[in-house]
Amino acid sequence: MRHLFILPLLLLLASLPASAEPGGPAALFDHTMRRLHSPETVDLRASYAGQPLLIVNTASHCGFTDQFGDLETIHQTYRERGLKVIGFPSNDFRQEADDEADTARVCFVNFGVSFDMFAPIHVRGDDAHPIFRELARQSSAPRWNFHKYVVDREGRVVGAFPARTSPTSREVREAIESVL
């Protein structure tokens, strides 16, 4: 009798779009996120699906915080070609400001960031936001702040770079060029 239910279930599962599978492009885009120090929210699917991306976990009080300047350079250099730079502050490494206003000041005032920055989230471990769980599934979890992921238009990670690799390095630029 149970076998009567298996075939319809298999047919239903086969008819689901690929993005409905656990882990996949939907895990990156099926979220609404709040902008840093703002009540405004952004539908990630509407804003980023089908776009090449550079996704970075950030921190305001880190030895790599000056990479905000390099990230802004990348944003200015490649935005006309479709690249979207997205920053996600996180205190997982205990170097993020306690106050979102301080985080916003570091990003927007100190470094002139004009790319999208979102409210702080967890980027590793059991509490990691689904975006970072998917990035880790496809490549590796961040081991420190300013871990960078280059993502193609289909939502696939084509390059992951640790904090010590500058956003303006040859390696990161080559990965970005490959997805444009």
C-alpha atoms as a PDB file:
ATOM      1  CA  MET A   1       0.000   0.000   0.000  1.00  0.00           C
ATOM      2  CA  ARG A   2       2.835   2.438   0.843  1.00  0.00           C
ATOM      3  CA  HIS A   3       4.287   2.093  -2.646  1.00  0.00           C
ATOM      4  CA  LEU A   4       1.166   3.864  -3.995  1.00  0.00           C
ATOM      5  CA  PHE A   5       2.380   7.053  -2.313  1.00  0.00           C
ATOM      6  CA  ILE A   6       5.986   6.830  -3.442  1.00  0.00           C
ATOM      7  CA  LEU A   7       5.434   7.438  -7.154  1.00  0.00           C
ATOM      8  CA  PRO A   8       3.354  10.635  -6.691  1.00  0.00           C
ATOM      9  CA  LEU A   9       5.917  11.891  -4.176  1.00  0.00           C
ATOM     10  CA  LEU A  10       8.787  11.212  -6.582  1.00  0.00           C
ATOM     11  CA  LEU A  11       6.907  12.968  -9.382  1.00  0.00           C
ATOM     12  CA  LEU A  12       6.269  15.963  -7.132  1.00  0.00           C
ATOM     13  CA  LEU A  13       9.914  16.189  -6.110  1.00  0.00           C
ATOM     14  CA  ALA A  14      11.062  15.896  -9.724  1.00  0.00           C
ATOM     15  CA  SER A  15       8.788  18.773 -10.732  1.00  0.00           C
ATOM     16  CA  LEU A  16      10.253  21.204  -8.191  1.00  0.00           C
ATOM     17  CA  PRO A  17      12.647  23.808  -9.613  1.00  0.00           C
ATOM     18  CA  ALA A  18      16.335  23.321  -8.819  1.00  0.00           C
ATOM     19  CA  SER A  19      16.324  26.372  -6.560  1.00  0.00           C
ATOM     20  CA  ALA A  20      13.834  24.612  -4.269  1.00  0.00           C
ATOM     21  CA  GLU A  21      16.450  21.963  -3.422  1.00  0.00           C
ATOM     22  CA  PRO A  22      18.143  22.400  -0.056  1.00  0.00           C
ATOM     23  CA  GLY A  23      21.373  24.253  -0.632  1.00  0.00           C
ATOM     24  CA  GLY A  24      21.507  25.935  -3.997  1.00  0.00           C
ATOM     25  CA  PRO A  25      20.937  29.385  -5.433  1.00  0.00           C
ATOM     26  CA  ALA A  26      17.708  29.814  -3.445  1.00  0.00           C
ATOM     27  CA  ALA A  27      19.732  29.578  -0.236  1.00  0.00           C
ATOM     28  CA  LEU A  28      21.592  32.709  -1.319  1.00  0.00           C
ATOM     29  CA  PHE A  29      18.668  34.750  -2.580  1.00  0.00           C
ATOM     30  CA  ASP A  30      15.420  33.766  -0.860  1.00  0.00           C
ATOM     31  CA  HIS A  31      15.804  36.290   1.945  1.00  0.00           C
ATOM     32  CA  THR A  32      14.802  39.786   2.844  1.00  0.00           C
ATOM     33  CA  MET A  33      17.605  41.584   4.656  1.00  0.00           C
ATOM     34  CA  ARG A  34      17.650  44.878   6.523  1.00  0.00           C
ATOM     35  CA  ARG A  35      20.164  47.482   5.374  1.00  0.00           C
ATOM     36  CA  LEU A  36      22.844  48.502   7.860  1.00  0.00           C
ATOM     37  CA  HIS A  37      21.552  51.067  10.385  1.00  0.00           C
ATOM     38  CA  SER A  38      18.297  51.493   8.474  1.00  0.00           C
ATOM     39  CA  PRO A  39      14.722  50.226   8.646  1.00  0.00           C
ATOM     40  CA  GLU A  40      14.806  49.615   4.859  1.00  0.00           C
ATOM     41  CA  THR A  41      14.743  45.991   3.772  1.00  0.00           C
ATOM     42  CA  VAL A  42      15.968  44.467   0.517  1.00  0.00           C
ATOM     43  CA  ASP A  43      14.565  41.442  -1.300  1.00  0.00           C
ATOM     44  CA  LEU A  44      17.802  39.689  -2.256  1.00  0.00           C
ATOM     45  CA  ARG A  45      16.204  37.758  -5.115  1.00  0.00           C
ATOM     46  CA  ALA A  46      14.896  40.936  -6.744  1.00  0.00           C
ATOM     47  CA  SER A  47      18.175  42.784  -6.219  1.00  0.00           C
ATOM     48  CA  TYR A  48      20.858  40.158  -6.818  1.00  0.00           C
ATOM     49  CA  ALA A  49      19.615  36.991  -8.545  1.00  0.00           C
ATOM     50  CA  GLY A  50      21.234  36.681 -11.963  1.00  0.00           C
ATOM     51  CA  GLN A  51      23.978  39.151 -11.063  1.00  0.00           C
ATOM     52  CA  PRO A  52      27.687  38.484 -10.498  1.00  0.00           C
ATOM     53  CA  LEU A  53      28.481  39.066  -6.827  1.00  0.00           C
ATOM     54  CA  LEU A  54      31.327  39.725  -4.442  1.00  0.00           C
ATOM     55  CA  ILE A  55      30.041  38.790  -0.970  1.00  0.00           C
ATOM     56  CA  VAL A  56      32.129  39.693   2.085  1.00  0.00           C
ATOM     57  CA  ASN A  57      31.764  39.253   5.829  1.00  0.00           C
ATOM     58  CA  THR A  58      33.082  42.383   7.502  1.00  0.00           C
ATOM     59  CA  ALA A  59      33.980  43.833  10.895  1.00  0.00           C
ATOM     60  CA  SER A  60      34.519  47.415  12.031  1.00  0.00           C
ATOM     61  CA  HIS A  61      37.382  46.826  14.461  1.00  0.00           C
ATOM     62  CA  CYS A  62      39.602  44.351  12.637  1.00  0.00           C
ATOM     63  CA  GLY A  63      43.130  44.566  11.322  1.00  0.00           C
ATOM     64  CA  PHE A  64      41.626  44.123   7.845  1.00  0.00           C
ATOM     65  CA  THR A  65      39.015  46.891   8.176  1.00  0.00           C
ATOM     66  CA  ASP A  66      40.969  49.024   5.702  1.00  0.00           C
ATOM     67  CA  GLN A  67      39.817  46.530   3.040  1.00  0.00           C
ATOM     68  CA  PHE A  68      36.594  48.546   2.955  1.00  0.00           C
ATOM     69  CA  GLY A  69      38.544  51.006   0.783  1.00  0.00           C
ATOM     70  CA  ASP A  70      39.630  48.235  -1.592  1.00  0.00           C
ATOM     71  CA  LEU A  71      36.096  46.828  -1.704  1.00  0.00           C
ATOM     72  CA  GLU A  72      34.832  50.281  -2.670  1.00  0.00           C
ATOM     73  CA  THR A  73      37.479  50.415  -5.425  1.00  0.00           C
ATOM     74  CA  ILE A  74      36.242  47.060  -6.750  1.00  0.00           C
ATOM     75  CA  HIS A  75      32.651  48.302  -6.555  1.00  0.00           C
ATOM     76  CA  GLN A  76      33.468  51.471  -8.509  1.00  0.00           C
ATOM     77  CA  THR A  77      35.590  49.580 -11.057  1.00  0.00           C
ATOM     78  CA  TYR A  78      33.118  46.801 -11.887  1.00  0.00           C
ATOM     79  CA  ARG A  79      29.625  48.116 -11.094  1.00  0.00           C
ATOM     80  CA  GLU A  80      29.018  49.325 -14.666  1.00  0.00           C
ATOM     81  CA  ARG A  81      29.700  45.746 -15.808  1.00  0.00           C
ATOM     82  CA  GLY A  82      27.095  44.374 -13.401  1.00  0.00           C
ATOM     83  CA  LEU A  83      29.100  43.298 -10.337  1.00  0.00           C
ATOM     84  CA  LYS A  84      27.284  43.756  -7.034  1.00  0.00           C
ATOM     85  CA  VAL A  85      29.413  44.014  -3.894  1.00  0.00           C
ATOM     86  CA  ILE A  86      27.551  43.008  -0.736  1.00  0.00           C
ATOM     87  CA  GLY A  87      28.861  43.346   2.823  1.00  0.00           C
ATOM     88  CA  PHE A  88      27.592  41.511   5.885  1.00  0.00           C
ATOM     89  CA  PRO A  89      28.980  42.701   9.221  1.00  0.00           C
ATOM     90  CA  SER A  90      29.408  39.967  11.783  1.00  0.00           C
ATOM     91  CA  ASN A  91      30.620  39.753  15.350  1.00  0.00           C
ATOM     92  CA  ASP A  92      31.447  36.057  15.079  1.00  0.00           C
ATOM     93  CA  PHE A  93      35.128  36.936  15.471  1.00  0.00           C
ATOM     94  CA  ARG A  94      34.423  39.517  18.205  1.00  0.00           C
ATOM     95  CA  GLN A  95      35.589  42.530  16.217  1.00  0.00           C
ATOM     96  CA  GLU A  96      32.315  44.170  15.238  1.00  0.00           C
ATOM     97  CA  ALA A  97      31.005  47.287  16.941  1.00  0.00           C
ATOM     98  CA  ASP A  98      28.267  46.733  19.509  1.00  0.00           C
ATOM     99  CA  ASP A  99      26.229  49.557  18.001  1.00  0.00           C
ATOM    100  CA  GLU A 100      25.033  49.504  14.381  1.00  0.00           C
ATOM    101  CA  ALA A 101      25.481  53.271  14.225  1.00  0.00           C
ATOM    102  CA  ASP A 102      29.208  52.774  14.898  1.00  0.00           C
ATOM    103  CA  THR A 103      29.399  50.099  12.206  1.00  0.00           C
ATOM    104  CA  ALA A 104      27.645  52.406   9.744  1.00  0.00           C
ATOM    105  CA  ARG A 105      30.007  55.259  10.622  1.00  0.00           C
ATOM    106  CA  VAL A 106      33.063  53.096   9.934  1.00  0.00           C
ATOM    107  CA  CYS A 107      31.653  51.921   6.598  1.00  0.00           C
ATOM    108  CA  PHE A 108      29.974  55.005   5.217  1.00  0.00           C
ATOM    109  CA  VAL A 109      31.902  57.877   6.811  1.00  0.00           C
ATOM    110  CA  ASN A 110      35.410  56.521   7.403  1.00  0.00           C
ATOM    111  CA  PHE A 111      35.650  54.524   4.159  1.00  0.00           C
ATOM    112  CA  GLY A 112      32.998  56.068   1.891  1.00  0.00           C
ATOM    113  CA  VAL A 113      31.333  52.732   1.205  1.00  0.00           C
ATOM    114  CA  SER A 114      28.590  53.031  -1.418  1.00  0.00           C
ATOM    115  CA  PHE A 115      27.988  49.308  -2.005  1.00  0.00           C
ATOM    116  CA  ASP A 116      25.242  47.493  -0.106  1.00  0.00           C
ATOM    117  CA  MET A 117      25.877  46.779   3.551  1.00  0.00           C
ATOM    118  CA  PHE A 118      23.385  44.852   5.642  1.00  0.00           C
ATOM    119  CA  ALA A 119      22.614  44.522   9.340  1.00  0.00           C
ATOM    120  CA  PRO A 120      24.969  42.227  11.275  1.00  0.00           C
ATOM    121  CA  ILE A 121      24.434  38.469  10.973  1.00  0.00           C
ATOM    122  CA  HIS A 122      26.211  35.289  11.988  1.00  0.00           C
ATOM    123  CA  VAL A 123      28.498  33.892   9.284  1.00  0.00           C
ATOM    124  CA  ARG A 124      29.766  30.624  10.755  1.00  0.00           C
ATOM    125  CA  GLY A 125      28.772  27.798  13.030  1.00  0.00           C
ATOM    126  CA  ASP A 126      25.321  26.567  13.931  1.00  0.00           C
ATOM    127  CA  ASP A 127      23.916  30.103  13.985  1.00  0.00           C
ATOM    128  CA  ALA A 128      25.239  31.057  10.536  1.00  0.00           C
ATOM    129  CA  HIS A 129      22.712  32.802   8.330  1.00  0.00           C
ATOM    130  CA  PRO A 130      21.508  30.553   5.449  1.00  0.00           C
ATOM    131  CA  ILE A 131      23.436  32.723   2.986  1.00  0.00           C
ATOM    132  CA  PHE A 132      26.717  31.873   4.680  1.00  0.00           C
ATOM    133  CA  ARG A 133      25.732  28.248   5.221  1.00  0.00           C
ATOM    134  CA  GLU A 134      25.285  27.983   1.448  1.00  0.00           C
ATOM    135  CA  LEU A 135      28.560  29.789   0.726  1.00  0.00           C
ATOM    136  CA  ALA A 136      30.318  27.405   3.118  1.00  0.00           C
ATOM    137  CA  ARG A 137      28.602  24.394   1.550  1.00  0.00           C
ATOM    138  CA  GLN A 138      29.864  25.427  -1.863  1.00  0.00           C
ATOM    139  CA  SER A 139      33.369  26.378  -0.724  1.00  0.00           C
ATOM    140  CA  SER A 140      34.396  27.015   2.883  1.00  0.00           C
ATOM    141  CA  ALA A 141      33.168  28.892   5.938  1.00  0.00           C
ATOM    142  CA  PRO A 142      34.874  32.170   6.797  1.00  0.00           C
ATOM    143  CA  ARG A 143      37.849  31.642   9.066  1.00  0.00           C
ATOM    144  CA  TRP A 144      38.100  35.357   9.816  1.00  0.00           C
ATOM    145  CA  ASN A 145      36.618  38.730   8.908  1.00  0.00           C
ATOM    146  CA  PHE A 146      36.806  39.942   5.300  1.00  0.00           C
ATOM    147  CA  HIS A 147      36.485  36.500   3.757  1.00  0.00           C
ATOM    148  CA  LYS A 148      35.447  37.117   0.155  1.00  0.00           C
ATOM    149  CA  TYR A 149      33.279  35.024  -2.171  1.00  0.00           C
ATOM    150  CA  VAL A 150      32.941  35.606  -5.902  1.00  0.00           C
ATOM    151  CA  VAL A 151      29.586  34.223  -7.068  1.00  0.00           C
ATOM    152  CA  ASP A 152      28.490  33.766 -10.685  1.00  0.00           C
ATOM    153  CA  ARG A 153      25.106  34.695 -12.182  1.00  0.00           C
ATOM    154  CA  GLU A 154      23.702  31.249 -11.327  1.00  0.00           C
ATOM    155  CA  GLY A 155      24.570  31.553  -7.637  1.00  0.00           C
ATOM    156  CA  ARG A 156      27.675  29.337  -7.744  1.00  0.00           C
ATOM    157  CA  VAL A 157      30.801  30.238  -5.805  1.00  0.00           C
ATOM    158  CA  VAL A 158      33.699  30.439  -8.275  1.00  0.00           C
ATOM    159  CA  GLY A 159      36.268  31.751  -5.822  1.00  0.00           C
ATOM    160  CA  ALA A 160      36.695  32.129  -2.064  1.00  0.00           C
ATOM    161  CA  PHE A 161      39.474  34.262  -0.638  1.00  0.00           C
ATOM    162  CA  PRO A 162      40.674  34.640   2.951  1.00  0.00           C
ATOM    163  CA  ALA A 163      41.126  37.912   4.812  1.00  0.00           C
ATOM    164  CA  ARG A 164      44.788  38.216   3.854  1.00  0.00           C
ATOM    165  CA  THR A 165      43.896  38.334   0.154  1.00  0.00           C
ATOM    166  CA  SER A 166      43.142  41.908  -0.844  1.00  0.00           C
ATOM    167  CA  PRO A 167      39.924  42.532  -2.780  1.00  0.00           C
ATOM    168  CA  THR A 168      42.093  44.267  -5.405  1.00  0.00           C
ATOM    169  CA  SER A 169      44.517  41.338  -5.741  1.00  0.00           C
ATOM    170  CA  ARG A 170      45.097  39.700  -9.115  1.00  0.00           C
ATOM    171  CA  GLU A 171      43.402  36.490  -7.899  1.00  0.00           C
ATOM    172  CA  VAL A 172      40.196  38.226  -6.837  1.00  0.00           C
ATOM    173  CA  ARG A 173      40.094  40.391  -9.964  1.00  0.00           C
ATOM    174  CA  GLU A 174      40.534  37.320 -12.204  1.00  0.00           C
ATOM    175  CA  ALA A 175      37.657  35.567 -10.413  1.00  0.00           C
ATOM    176  CA  ILE A 176      35.501  38.675 -10.820  1.00  0.00           C
ATOM    177  CA  GLU A 177      36.378  38.972 -14.516  1.00  0.00           C
ATOM    178  CA  SER A 178      35.377  35.312 -14.988  1.00  0.00           C
ATOM    179  CA  VAL A 179      31.790  35.997 -13.856  1.00  0.00           C
ATOM    180  CA  LEU A 180      31.162  39.263 -15.688  1.00  0.00           C
END
